[in-house]
Amino acid sequence: MTRIMQHPILGEIGKRKKVKIMVDGKEMYAYEGEMIAAALWANGIHIFRYTKKLDKPRGVFCGIGKCTDCIMIVNGQPNVRTCITPVEEGMIIETQYGLGKWKEGKDYE
């Protein structure tokens, strides 16, 4: 996993707590407080969802929460913008297909 440790604006990134997350059933590690998208990118995952109409892959596009290309299902909730959502210990993250489904099985609208 490669990460930026010295940022031109934010400065030096200090030591952070390593946490375990589950991504599509696979155990991975991230650093507490980093954005989900950054953690996934560092773990080699670049596709976060597939579009409803054409089933096209999407990943990080804007990186600031304005678009919806990086949405995924996080802890059972669909349409979470991973570029602005911080990692937490034990998060369960899943690739989203189409609009996503709530745990109760209803389509999200």
PDB file of N, CA and C in Angstrom:
ATOM      1  N   MET A   1       0.832  -1.179   0.000  1.00  0.00           N
ATOM      2  CA  MET A   1       0.000   0.000   0.000  1.00  0.00           C
ATOM      3  C   MET A   1       0.880   1.246   0.000  1.00  0.00           C
ATOM      4  N   THR A   2       0.641   2.107  -0.940  1.00  0.00           N
ATOM      5  CA  THR A   2       1.376   3.361  -0.959  1.00  0.00           C
ATOM      6  C   THR A   2       0.433   4.505  -0.632  1.00  0.00           C
ATOM      7  N   ARG A   3       0.936   5.407   0.160  1.00  0.00           N
ATOM      8  CA  ARG A   3       0.149   6.562   0.565  1.00  0.00           C
ATOM      9  C   ARG A   3       1.041   7.782   0.616  1.00  0.00           C
ATOM     10  N   ILE A   4       0.424   8.946   0.471  1.00  0.00           N
ATOM     11  CA  ILE A   4       1.158  10.200   0.607  1.00  0.00           C
ATOM     12  C   ILE A   4       1.452  10.426   2.080  1.00  0.00           C
ATOM     13  N   MET A   5       2.709  10.626   2.405  1.00  0.00           N
ATOM     14  CA  MET A   5       3.097  10.869   3.796  1.00  0.00           C
ATOM     15  C   MET A   5       3.494  12.327   4.015  1.00  0.00           C
ATOM     16  N   GLN A   6       3.797  13.028   2.936  1.00  0.00           N
ATOM     17  CA  GLN A   6       4.154  14.446   3.003  1.00  0.00           C
ATOM     18  C   GLN A   6       3.329  15.173   1.953  1.00  0.00           C
ATOM     19  N   HIS A   7       2.404  16.009   2.406  1.00  0.00           N
ATOM     20  CA  HIS A   7       1.493  16.704   1.499  1.00  0.00           C
ATOM     21  C   HIS A   7       1.896  18.175   1.410  1.00  0.00           C
ATOM     22  N   PRO A   8       1.896  18.764   0.208  1.00  0.00           N
ATOM     23  CA  PRO A   8       2.342  20.156   0.060  1.00  0.00           C
ATOM     24  C   PRO A   8       1.489  21.175   0.822  1.00  0.00           C
ATOM     25  N   ILE A   9       0.237  20.873   1.074  1.00  0.00           N
ATOM     26  CA  ILE A   9      -0.630  21.804   1.806  1.00  0.00           C
ATOM     27  C   ILE A   9      -0.877  21.323   3.229  1.00  0.00           C
ATOM     28  N   LEU A  10      -1.170  20.045   3.397  1.00  0.00           N
ATOM     29  CA  LEU A  10      -1.498  19.498   4.716  1.00  0.00           C
ATOM     30  C   LEU A  10      -0.268  19.235   5.572  1.00  0.00           C
ATOM     31  N   GLY A  11       0.889  19.190   4.941  1.00  0.00           N
ATOM     32  CA  GLY A  11       2.125  18.936   5.683  1.00  0.00           C
ATOM     33  C   GLY A  11       2.376  17.455   5.873  1.00  0.00           C
ATOM     34  N   GLU A  12       3.113  17.136   6.920  1.00  0.00           N
ATOM     35  CA  GLU A  12       3.472  15.744   7.193  1.00  0.00           C
ATOM     36  C   GLU A  12       2.276  15.011   7.781  1.00  0.00           C
ATOM     37  N   ILE A  13       2.021  13.845   7.236  1.00  0.00           N
ATOM     38  CA  ILE A  13       0.939  13.008   7.737  1.00  0.00           C
ATOM     39  C   ILE A  13       1.531  12.141   8.840  1.00  0.00           C
ATOM     40  N   GLY A  14       1.096  12.347  10.055  1.00  0.00           N
ATOM     41  CA  GLY A  14       1.647  11.627  11.206  1.00  0.00           C
ATOM     42  C   GLY A  14       1.183  10.181  11.271  1.00  0.00           C
ATOM     43  N   LYS A  15       1.609   9.513  12.323  1.00  0.00           N
ATOM     44  CA  LYS A  15       1.211   8.119  12.541  1.00  0.00           C
ATOM     45  C   LYS A  15      -0.288   8.049  12.767  1.00  0.00           C
ATOM     46  N   ARG A  16      -0.895   7.026  12.190  1.00  0.00           N
ATOM     47  CA  ARG A  16      -2.329   6.818  12.350  1.00  0.00           C
ATOM     48  C   ARG A  16      -2.586   5.376  12.728  1.00  0.00           C
ATOM     49  N   LYS A  17      -3.709   5.147  13.351  1.00  0.00           N
ATOM     50  CA  LYS A  17      -4.096   3.801  13.766  1.00  0.00           C
ATOM     51  C   LYS A  17      -4.526   2.977  12.550  1.00  0.00           C
ATOM     52  N   LYS A  18      -3.975   1.782  12.423  1.00  0.00           N
ATOM     53  CA  LYS A  18      -4.336   0.865  11.350  1.00  0.00           C
ATOM     54  C   LYS A  18      -5.625   0.146  11.754  1.00  0.00           C
ATOM     55  N   VAL A  19      -6.601   0.110  10.841  1.00  0.00           N
ATOM     56  CA  VAL A  19      -7.870  -0.542  11.125  1.00  0.00           C
ATOM     57  C   VAL A  19      -8.194  -1.569  10.047  1.00  0.00           C
ATOM     58  N   LYS A  20      -9.034  -2.523  10.409  1.00  0.00           N
ATOM     59  CA  LYS A  20      -9.435  -3.581   9.483  1.00  0.00           C
ATOM     60  C   LYS A  20     -10.800  -3.237   8.899  1.00  0.00           C
ATOM     61  N   ILE A  21     -10.936  -3.395   7.583  1.00  0.00           N
ATOM     62  CA  ILE A  21     -12.212  -3.212   6.899  1.00  0.00           C
ATOM     63  C   ILE A  21     -12.458  -4.435   6.025  1.00  0.00           C
ATOM     64  N   MET A  22     -13.717  -4.657   5.670  1.00  0.00           N
ATOM     65  CA  MET A  22     -14.082  -5.745   4.758  1.00  0.00           C
ATOM     66  C   MET A  22     -14.588  -5.117   3.466  1.00  0.00           C
ATOM     67  N   VAL A  23     -14.002  -5.514   2.353  1.00  0.00           N
ATOM     68  CA  VAL A  23     -14.400  -4.981   1.050  1.00  0.00           C
ATOM     69  C   VAL A  23     -14.775  -6.154   0.157  1.00  0.00           C
ATOM     70  N   ASP A  24     -16.054  -6.227  -0.182  1.00  0.00           N
ATOM     71  CA  ASP A  24     -16.577  -7.336  -0.983  1.00  0.00           C
ATOM     72  C   ASP A  24     -16.128  -8.686  -0.421  1.00  0.00           C
ATOM     73  N   GLY A  25     -16.197  -8.804   0.894  1.00  0.00           N
ATOM     74  CA  GLY A  25     -15.885 -10.055   1.571  1.00  0.00           C
ATOM     75  C   GLY A  25     -14.411 -10.311   1.824  1.00  0.00           C
ATOM     76  N   LYS A  26     -13.543  -9.384   1.440  1.00  0.00           N
ATOM     77  CA  LYS A  26     -12.103  -9.555   1.647  1.00  0.00           C
ATOM     78  C   LYS A  26     -11.619  -8.593   2.724  1.00  0.00           C
ATOM     79  N   GLU A  27     -10.802  -9.109   3.622  1.00  0.00           N
ATOM     80  CA  GLU A  27     -10.237  -8.298   4.694  1.00  0.00           C
ATOM     81  C   GLU A  27      -9.109  -7.428   4.156  1.00  0.00           C
ATOM     82  N   MET A  28      -9.145  -6.147   4.502  1.00  0.00           N
ATOM     83  CA  MET A  28      -8.103  -5.206   4.096  1.00  0.00           C
ATOM     84  C   MET A  28      -7.792  -4.281   5.255  1.00  0.00           C
ATOM     85  N   TYR A  29      -6.697  -3.569   5.111  1.00  0.00           N
ATOM     86  CA  TYR A  29      -6.330  -2.609   6.140  1.00  0.00           C
ATOM     87  C   TYR A  29      -6.332  -1.201   5.581  1.00  0.00           C
ATOM     88  N   ALA A  30      -6.674  -0.280   6.460  1.00  0.00           N
ATOM     89  CA  ALA A  30      -6.717   1.140   6.116  1.00  0.00           C
ATOM     90  C   ALA A  30      -6.222   1.897   7.336  1.00  0.00           C
ATOM     91  N   TYR A  31      -6.180   3.208   7.227  1.00  0.00           N
ATOM     92  CA  TYR A  31      -5.800   4.038   8.368  1.00  0.00           C
ATOM     93  C   TYR A  31      -7.007   4.837   8.816  1.00  0.00           C
ATOM     94  N   GLU A  32      -7.271   4.781  10.102  1.00  0.00           N
ATOM     95  CA  GLU A  32      -8.412   5.474  10.679  1.00  0.00           C
ATOM     96  C   GLU A  32      -8.429   6.937  10.246  1.00  0.00           C
ATOM     97  N   GLY A  33      -9.584   7.384   9.766  1.00  0.00           N
ATOM     98  CA  GLY A  33      -9.744   8.766   9.373  1.00  0.00           C
ATOM     99  C   GLY A  33      -9.489   9.053   7.907  1.00  0.00           C
ATOM    100  N   GLU A  34      -8.785   8.157   7.199  1.00  0.00           N
ATOM    101  CA  GLU A  34      -8.601   8.418   5.771  1.00  0.00           C
ATOM    102  C   GLU A  34      -9.922   8.121   5.055  1.00  0.00           C
ATOM    103  N   MET A  35     -10.121   8.725   3.932  1.00  0.00           N
ATOM    104  CA  MET A  35     -11.360   8.510   3.193  1.00  0.00           C
ATOM    105  C   MET A  35     -11.395   7.092   2.629  1.00  0.00           C
ATOM    106  N   ILE A  36     -12.581   6.516   2.571  1.00  0.00           N
ATOM    107  CA  ILE A  36     -12.740   5.148   2.058  1.00  0.00           C
ATOM    108  C   ILE A  36     -12.115   5.027   0.675  1.00  0.00           C
ATOM    109  N   ALA A  37     -12.382   5.994  -0.197  1.00  0.00           N
ATOM    110  CA  ALA A  37     -11.850   5.934  -1.564  1.00  0.00           C
ATOM    111  C   ALA A  37     -10.328   5.861  -1.566  1.00  0.00           C
ATOM    112  N   ALA A  38      -9.673   6.625  -0.704  1.00  0.00           N
ATOM    113  CA  ALA A  38      -8.204   6.604  -0.627  1.00  0.00           C
ATOM    114  C   ALA A  38      -7.714   5.247  -0.148  1.00  0.00           C
ATOM    115  N   ALA A  39      -8.397   4.677   0.829  1.00  0.00           N
ATOM    116  CA  ALA A  39      -8.016   3.359   1.347  1.00  0.00           C
ATOM    117  C   ALA A  39      -8.164   2.292   0.267  1.00  0.00           C
ATOM    118  N   LEU A  40      -9.254   2.346  -0.479  1.00  0.00           N
ATOM    119  CA  LEU A  40      -9.471   1.366  -1.542  1.00  0.00           C
ATOM    120  C   LEU A  40      -8.430   1.522  -2.643  1.00  0.00           C
ATOM    121  N   TRP A  41      -8.157   2.761  -3.026  1.00  0.00           N
ATOM    122  CA  TRP A  41      -7.154   3.020  -4.057  1.00  0.00           C
ATOM    123  C   TRP A  41      -5.796   2.462  -3.631  1.00  0.00           C
ATOM    124  N   ALA A  42      -5.439   2.679  -2.364  1.00  0.00           N
ATOM    125  CA  ALA A  42      -4.157   2.181  -1.841  1.00  0.00           C
ATOM    126  C   ALA A  42      -4.107   0.657  -1.822  1.00  0.00           C
ATOM    127  N   ASN A  43      -5.277   0.027  -1.758  1.00  0.00           N
ATOM    128  CA  ASN A  43      -5.356  -1.434  -1.778  1.00  0.00           C
ATOM    129  C   ASN A  43      -5.573  -1.984  -3.184  1.00  0.00           C
ATOM    130  N   GLY A  44      -5.455  -1.127  -4.207  1.00  0.00           N
ATOM    131  CA  GLY A  44      -5.544  -1.577  -5.592  1.00  0.00           C
ATOM    132  C   GLY A  44      -6.948  -1.679  -6.155  1.00  0.00           C
ATOM    133  N   ILE A  45      -7.931  -1.135  -5.455  1.00  0.00           N
ATOM    134  CA  ILE A  45      -9.316  -1.180  -5.940  1.00  0.00           C
ATOM    135  C   ILE A  45      -9.649   0.161  -6.570  1.00  0.00           C
ATOM    136  N   HIS A  46     -10.011   0.132  -7.847  1.00  0.00           N
ATOM    137  CA  HIS A  46     -10.300   1.359  -8.580  1.00  0.00           C
ATOM    138  C   HIS A  46     -11.736   1.416  -9.101  1.00  0.00           C
ATOM    139  N   ILE A  47     -12.460   0.311  -9.053  1.00  0.00           N
ATOM    140  CA  ILE A  47     -13.863   0.278  -9.474  1.00  0.00           C
ATOM    141  C   ILE A  47     -14.713   0.166  -8.224  1.00  0.00           C
ATOM    142  N   PHE A  48     -15.627   1.125  -8.053  1.00  0.00           N
ATOM    143  CA  PHE A  48     -16.448   1.192  -6.848  1.00  0.00           C
ATOM    144  C   PHE A  48     -17.906   0.831  -7.105  1.00  0.00           C
ATOM    145  N   ARG A  49     -18.356   1.065  -8.317  1.00  0.00           N
ATOM    146  CA  ARG A  49     -19.751   0.774  -8.647  1.00  0.00           C
ATOM    147  C   ARG A  49     -19.885   0.514 -10.141  1.00  0.00           C
ATOM    148  N   TYR A  50     -21.070   0.015 -10.513  1.00  0.00           N
ATOM    149  CA  TYR A  50     -21.427  -0.183 -11.921  1.00  0.00           C
ATOM    150  C   TYR A  50     -22.755   0.522 -12.170  1.00  0.00           C
ATOM    151  N   THR A  51     -22.855   1.230 -13.294  1.00  0.00           N
ATOM    152  CA  THR A  51     -24.052   2.013 -13.583  1.00  0.00           C
ATOM    153  C   THR A  51     -25.267   1.123 -13.832  1.00  0.00           C
ATOM    154  N   LYS A  52     -26.447   1.681 -13.575  1.00  0.00           N
ATOM    155  CA  LYS A  52     -27.699   0.933 -13.728  1.00  0.00           C
ATOM    156  C   LYS A  52     -28.010   0.627 -15.194  1.00  0.00           C
ATOM    157  N   LYS A  53     -27.949   1.639 -16.031  1.00  0.00           N
ATOM    158  CA  LYS A  53     -28.414   1.484 -17.412  1.00  0.00           C
ATOM    159  C   LYS A  53     -27.457   0.656 -18.284  1.00  0.00           C
ATOM    160  N   LEU A  54     -26.175   0.979 -18.261  1.00  0.00           N
ATOM    161  CA  LEU A  54     -25.225   0.319 -19.163  1.00  0.00           C
ATOM    162  C   LEU A  54     -24.228  -0.605 -18.467  1.00  0.00           C
ATOM    163  N   ASP A  55     -24.341  -0.735 -17.128  1.00  0.00           N
ATOM    164  CA  ASP A  55     -23.453  -1.609 -16.360  1.00  0.00           C
ATOM    165  C   ASP A  55     -21.978  -1.248 -16.559  1.00  0.00           C
ATOM    166  N   LYS A  56     -21.692   0.050 -16.612  1.00  0.00           N
ATOM    167  CA  LYS A  56     -20.329   0.548 -16.816  1.00  0.00           C
ATOM    168  C   LYS A  56     -19.641   0.774 -15.466  1.00  0.00           C
ATOM    169  N   PRO A  57     -18.344   0.464 -15.371  1.00  0.00           N
ATOM    170  CA  PRO A  57     -17.624   0.670 -14.111  1.00  0.00           C
ATOM    171  C   PRO A  57     -17.354   2.146 -13.832  1.00  0.00           C
ATOM    172  N   ARG A  58     -17.380   2.498 -12.556  1.00  0.00           N
ATOM    173  CA  ARG A  58     -17.080   3.856 -12.116  1.00  0.00           C
ATOM    174  C   ARG A  58     -16.188   3.796 -10.881  1.00  0.00           C
ATOM    175  N   GLY A  59     -15.415   4.867 -10.705  1.00  0.00           N
ATOM    176  CA  GLY A  59     -14.527   4.977  -9.543  1.00  0.00           C
ATOM    177  C   GLY A  59     -14.474   6.421  -9.109  1.00  0.00           C
ATOM    178  N   VAL A  60     -13.320   6.858  -8.638  1.00  0.00           N
ATOM    179  CA  VAL A  60     -13.180   8.242  -8.205  1.00  0.00           C
ATOM    180  C   VAL A  60     -13.148   9.147  -9.436  1.00  0.00           C
ATOM    181  N   PHE A  61     -13.945  10.202  -9.416  1.00  0.00           N
ATOM    182  CA  PHE A  61     -13.943  11.177 -10.496  1.00  0.00           C
ATOM    183  C   PHE A  61     -13.579  12.550  -9.937  1.00  0.00           C
ATOM    184  N   CYS A  62     -14.457  13.126  -9.128  1.00  0.00           N
ATOM    185  CA  CYS A  62     -14.181  14.481  -8.631  1.00  0.00           C
ATOM    186  C   CYS A  62     -13.361  14.462  -7.343  1.00  0.00           C
ATOM    187  N   GLY A  63     -13.584  13.484  -6.503  1.00  0.00           N
ATOM    188  CA  GLY A  63     -12.825  13.366  -5.257  1.00  0.00           C
ATOM    189  C   GLY A  63     -13.214  14.361  -4.175  1.00  0.00           C
ATOM    190  N   ILE A  64     -14.300  15.126  -4.382  1.00  0.00           N
ATOM    191  CA  ILE A  64     -14.708  16.114  -3.373  1.00  0.00           C
ATOM    192  C   ILE A  64     -16.190  16.016  -3.023  1.00  0.00           C
ATOM    193  N   GLY A  65     -16.830  14.920  -3.374  1.00  0.00           N
ATOM    194  CA  GLY A  65     -18.213  14.695  -2.980  1.00  0.00           C
ATOM    195  C   GLY A  65     -19.275  15.354  -3.818  1.00  0.00           C
ATOM    196  N   LYS A  66     -18.927  15.911  -4.971  1.00  0.00           N
ATOM    197  CA  LYS A  66     -19.910  16.599  -5.812  1.00  0.00           C
ATOM    198  C   LYS A  66     -20.595  15.676  -6.820  1.00  0.00           C
ATOM    199  N   CYS A  67     -19.907  14.641  -7.265  1.00  0.00           N
ATOM    200  CA  CYS A  67     -20.514  13.703  -8.209  1.00  0.00           C
ATOM    201  C   CYS A  67     -20.906  12.432  -7.441  1.00  0.00           C
ATOM    202  N   THR A  68     -21.334  11.423  -8.142  1.00  0.00           N
ATOM    203  CA  THR A  68     -21.688  10.166  -7.468  1.00  0.00           C
ATOM    204  C   THR A  68     -20.945   8.972  -8.057  1.00  0.00           C
ATOM    205  N   ASP A  69     -19.829   9.221  -8.711  1.00  0.00           N
ATOM    206  CA  ASP A  69     -19.106   8.102  -9.325  1.00  0.00           C
ATOM    207  C   ASP A  69     -18.499   7.146  -8.294  1.00  0.00           C
ATOM    208  N   CYS A  70     -18.197   7.604  -7.103  1.00  0.00           N
ATOM    209  CA  CYS A  70     -17.515   6.759  -6.114  1.00  0.00           C
ATOM    210  C   CYS A  70     -18.460   6.132  -5.096  1.00  0.00           C
ATOM    211  N   ILE A  71     -19.782   6.185  -5.342  1.00  0.00           N
ATOM    212  CA  ILE A  71     -20.699   5.648  -4.343  1.00  0.00           C
ATOM    213  C   ILE A  71     -20.575   4.131  -4.222  1.00  0.00           C
ATOM    214  N   MET A  72     -20.743   3.665  -2.980  1.00  0.00           N
ATOM    215  CA  MET A  72     -20.706   2.237  -2.675  1.00  0.00           C
ATOM    216  C   MET A  72     -21.701   1.958  -1.556  1.00  0.00           C
ATOM    217  N   ILE A  73     -21.871   0.687  -1.255  1.00  0.00           N
ATOM    218  CA  ILE A  73     -22.702   0.293  -0.119  1.00  0.00           C
ATOM    219  C   ILE A  73     -21.771   0.181   1.087  1.00  0.00           C
ATOM    220  N   VAL A  74     -22.048   0.955   2.132  1.00  0.00           N
ATOM    221  CA  VAL A  74     -21.211   0.969   3.326  1.00  0.00           C
ATOM    222  C   VAL A  74     -22.073   0.621   4.532  1.00  0.00           C
ATOM    223  N   ASN A  75     -21.715  -0.455   5.202  1.00  0.00           N
ATOM    224  CA  ASN A  75     -22.480  -0.949   6.362  1.00  0.00           C
ATOM    225  C   ASN A  75     -23.964  -1.079   6.032  1.00  0.00           C
ATOM    226  N   GLY A  76     -24.255  -1.572   4.817  1.00  0.00           N
ATOM    227  CA  GLY A  76     -25.627  -1.821   4.404  1.00  0.00           C
ATOM    228  C   GLY A  76     -26.350  -0.634   3.808  1.00  0.00           C
ATOM    229  N   GLN A  77     -25.741   0.528   3.809  1.00  0.00           N
ATOM    230  CA  GLN A  77     -26.386   1.725   3.262  1.00  0.00           C
ATOM    231  C   GLN A  77     -25.843   2.008   1.863  1.00  0.00           C
ATOM    232  N   PRO A  78     -26.721   2.004   0.844  1.00  0.00           N
ATOM    233  CA  PRO A  78     -26.258   2.294  -0.514  1.00  0.00           C
ATOM    234  C   PRO A  78     -26.002   3.784  -0.719  1.00  0.00           C
ATOM    235  N   ASN A  79     -25.297   4.091  -1.799  1.00  0.00           N
ATOM    236  CA  ASN A  79     -25.086   5.467  -2.264  1.00  0.00           C
ATOM    237  C   ASN A  79     -24.248   6.327  -1.323  1.00  0.00           C
ATOM    238  N   VAL A  80     -23.290   5.711  -0.646  1.00  0.00           N
ATOM    239  CA  VAL A  80     -22.383   6.458   0.226  1.00  0.00           C
ATOM    240  C   VAL A  80     -21.234   6.984  -0.623  1.00  0.00           C
ATOM    241  N   ARG A  81     -20.992   8.281  -0.569  1.00  0.00           N
ATOM    242  CA  ARG A  81     -19.881   8.887  -1.311  1.00  0.00           C
ATOM    243  C   ARG A  81     -18.584   8.574  -0.573  1.00  0.00           C
ATOM    244  N   THR A  82     -17.813   7.672  -1.143  1.00  0.00           N
ATOM    245  CA  THR A  82     -16.618   7.175  -0.454  1.00  0.00           C
ATOM    246  C   THR A  82     -15.468   8.172  -0.431  1.00  0.00           C
ATOM    247  N   CYS A  83     -15.504   9.170  -1.299  1.00  0.00           N
ATOM    248  CA  CYS A  83     -14.406  10.145  -1.318  1.00  0.00           C
ATOM    249  C   CYS A  83     -14.479  11.129  -0.153  1.00  0.00           C
ATOM    250  N   ILE A  84     -15.639  11.195   0.528  1.00  0.00           N
ATOM    251  CA  ILE A  84     -15.782  12.124   1.658  1.00  0.00           C
ATOM    252  C   ILE A  84     -16.216  11.412   2.937  1.00  0.00           C
ATOM    253  N   THR A  85     -16.180  10.077   2.936  1.00  0.00           N
ATOM    254  CA  THR A  85     -16.578   9.301   4.107  1.00  0.00           C
ATOM    255  C   THR A  85     -15.346   8.649   4.718  1.00  0.00           C
ATOM    256  N   PRO A  86     -15.017   8.982   5.978  1.00  0.00           N
ATOM    257  CA  PRO A  86     -13.827   8.417   6.613  1.00  0.00           C
ATOM    258  C   PRO A  86     -13.982   6.946   6.982  1.00  0.00           C
ATOM    259  N   VAL A  87     -12.881   6.238   6.929  1.00  0.00           N
ATOM    260  CA  VAL A  87     -12.815   4.833   7.316  1.00  0.00           C
ATOM    261  C   VAL A  87     -12.986   4.708   8.826  1.00  0.00           C
ATOM    262  N   GLU A  88     -13.666   3.651   9.224  1.00  0.00           N
ATOM    263  CA  GLU A  88     -13.793   3.302  10.633  1.00  0.00           C
ATOM    264  C   GLU A  88     -13.512   1.815  10.777  1.00  0.00           C
ATOM    265  N   GLU A  89     -13.039   1.417  11.929  1.00  0.00           N
ATOM    266  CA  GLU A  89     -12.757   0.013  12.227  1.00  0.00           C
ATOM    267  C   GLU A  89     -13.991  -0.841  11.951  1.00  0.00           C
ATOM    268  N   GLY A  90     -13.789  -1.952  11.218  1.00  0.00           N
ATOM    269  CA  GLY A  90     -14.842  -2.933  10.995  1.00  0.00           C
ATOM    270  C   GLY A  90     -15.859  -2.585   9.927  1.00  0.00           C
ATOM    271  N   MET A  91     -15.644  -1.518   9.173  1.00  0.00           N
ATOM    272  CA  MET A  91     -16.591  -1.160   8.116  1.00  0.00           C
ATOM    273  C   MET A  91     -16.738  -2.303   7.120  1.00  0.00           C
ATOM    274  N   ILE A  92     -17.964  -2.465   6.636  1.00  0.00           N
ATOM    275  CA  ILE A  92     -18.245  -3.442   5.585  1.00  0.00           C
ATOM    276  C   ILE A  92     -18.611  -2.642   4.337  1.00  0.00           C
ATOM    277  N   ILE A  93     -17.787  -2.767   3.315  1.00  0.00           N
ATOM    278  CA  ILE A  93     -17.911  -1.969   2.099  1.00  0.00           C
ATOM    279  C   ILE A  93     -18.150  -2.922   0.931  1.00  0.00           C
ATOM    280  N   GLU A  94     -19.147  -2.580   0.104  1.00  0.00           N
ATOM    281  CA  GLU A  94     -19.485  -3.450  -1.019  1.00  0.00           C
ATOM    282  C   GLU A  94     -19.600  -2.644  -2.308  1.00  0.00           C
ATOM    283  N   THR A  95     -19.176  -3.258  -3.410  1.00  0.00           N
ATOM    284  CA  THR A  95     -19.363  -2.667  -4.724  1.00  0.00           C
ATOM    285  C   THR A  95     -20.856  -2.507  -4.952  1.00  0.00           C
ATOM    286  N   GLN A  96     -21.246  -1.371  -5.509  1.00  0.00           N
ATOM    287  CA  GLN A  96     -22.667  -1.114  -5.757  1.00  0.00           C
ATOM    288  C   GLN A  96     -22.980  -1.353  -7.219  1.00  0.00           C
ATOM    289  N   TYR A  97     -24.074  -2.064  -7.452  1.00  0.00           N
ATOM    290  CA  TYR A  97     -24.556  -2.334  -8.799  1.00  0.00           C
ATOM    291  C   TYR A  97     -25.869  -1.586  -8.995  1.00  0.00           C
ATOM    292  N   GLY A  98     -25.907  -0.700  -9.958  1.00  0.00           N
ATOM    293  CA  GLY A  98     -27.124   0.072 -10.208  1.00  0.00           C
ATOM    294  C   GLY A  98     -27.401   1.044  -9.075  1.00  0.00           C
ATOM    295  N   LEU A  99     -28.673   1.130  -8.691  1.00  0.00           N
ATOM    296  CA  LEU A  99     -29.089   2.085  -7.668  1.00  0.00           C
ATOM    297  C   LEU A  99     -28.769   1.630  -6.252  1.00  0.00           C
ATOM    298  N   GLY A 100     -28.436   0.374  -6.083  1.00  0.00           N
ATOM    299  CA  GLY A 100     -28.168  -0.153  -4.749  1.00  0.00           C
ATOM    300  C   GLY A 100     -29.448  -0.607  -4.084  1.00  0.00           C
ATOM    301  N   LYS A 101     -29.326  -1.499  -3.116  1.00  0.00           N
ATOM    302  CA  LYS A 101     -30.485  -2.003  -2.391  1.00  0.00           C
ATOM    303  C   LYS A 101     -30.245  -1.850  -0.898  1.00  0.00           C
ATOM    304  N   TRP A 102     -31.285  -1.437  -0.200  1.00  0.00           N
ATOM    305  CA  TRP A 102     -31.238  -1.401   1.254  1.00  0.00           C
ATOM    306  C   TRP A 102     -31.256  -2.841   1.754  1.00  0.00           C
ATOM    307  N   LYS A 103     -30.807  -3.070   2.955  1.00  0.00           N
ATOM    308  CA  LYS A 103     -30.777  -4.426   3.520  1.00  0.00           C
ATOM    309  C   LYS A 103     -32.148  -5.089   3.498  1.00  0.00           C
ATOM    310  N   GLU A 104     -33.236  -4.305   3.616  1.00  0.00           N
ATOM    311  CA  GLU A 104     -34.573  -4.876   3.583  1.00  0.00           C
ATOM    312  C   GLU A 104     -34.943  -5.394   2.199  1.00  0.00           C
ATOM    313  N   GLY A 105     -34.094  -5.106   1.191  1.00  0.00           N
ATOM    314  CA  GLY A 105     -34.320  -5.591  -0.158  1.00  0.00           C
ATOM    315  C   GLY A 105     -35.036  -4.610  -1.067  1.00  0.00           C
ATOM    316  N   LYS A 106     -35.403  -3.415  -0.555  1.00  0.00           N
ATOM    317  CA  LYS A 106     -36.086  -2.426  -1.385  1.00  0.00           C
ATOM    318  C   LYS A 106     -35.072  -1.669  -2.233  1.00  0.00           C
ATOM    319  N   ASP A 107     -35.442  -1.347  -3.457  1.00  0.00           N
ATOM    320  CA  ASP A 107     -34.588  -0.503  -4.297  1.00  0.00           C
ATOM    321  C   ASP A 107     -34.501   0.866  -3.684  1.00  0.00           C
ATOM    322  N   TYR A 108     -33.332   1.493  -3.797  1.00  0.00           N
ATOM    323  CA  TYR A 108     -33.149   2.857  -3.319  1.00  0.00           C
ATOM    324  C   TYR A 108     -33.599   3.805  -4.405  1.00  0.00           C
ATOM    325  N   GLU A 109     -34.377   4.798  -4.042  1.00  0.00           N
ATOM    326  CA  GLU A 109     -34.845   5.773  -5.042  1.00  0.00           C
ATOM    327  C   GLU A 109     -34.568   7.167  -4.562  1.00  0.00           C
TER     328      GLU A 109
END
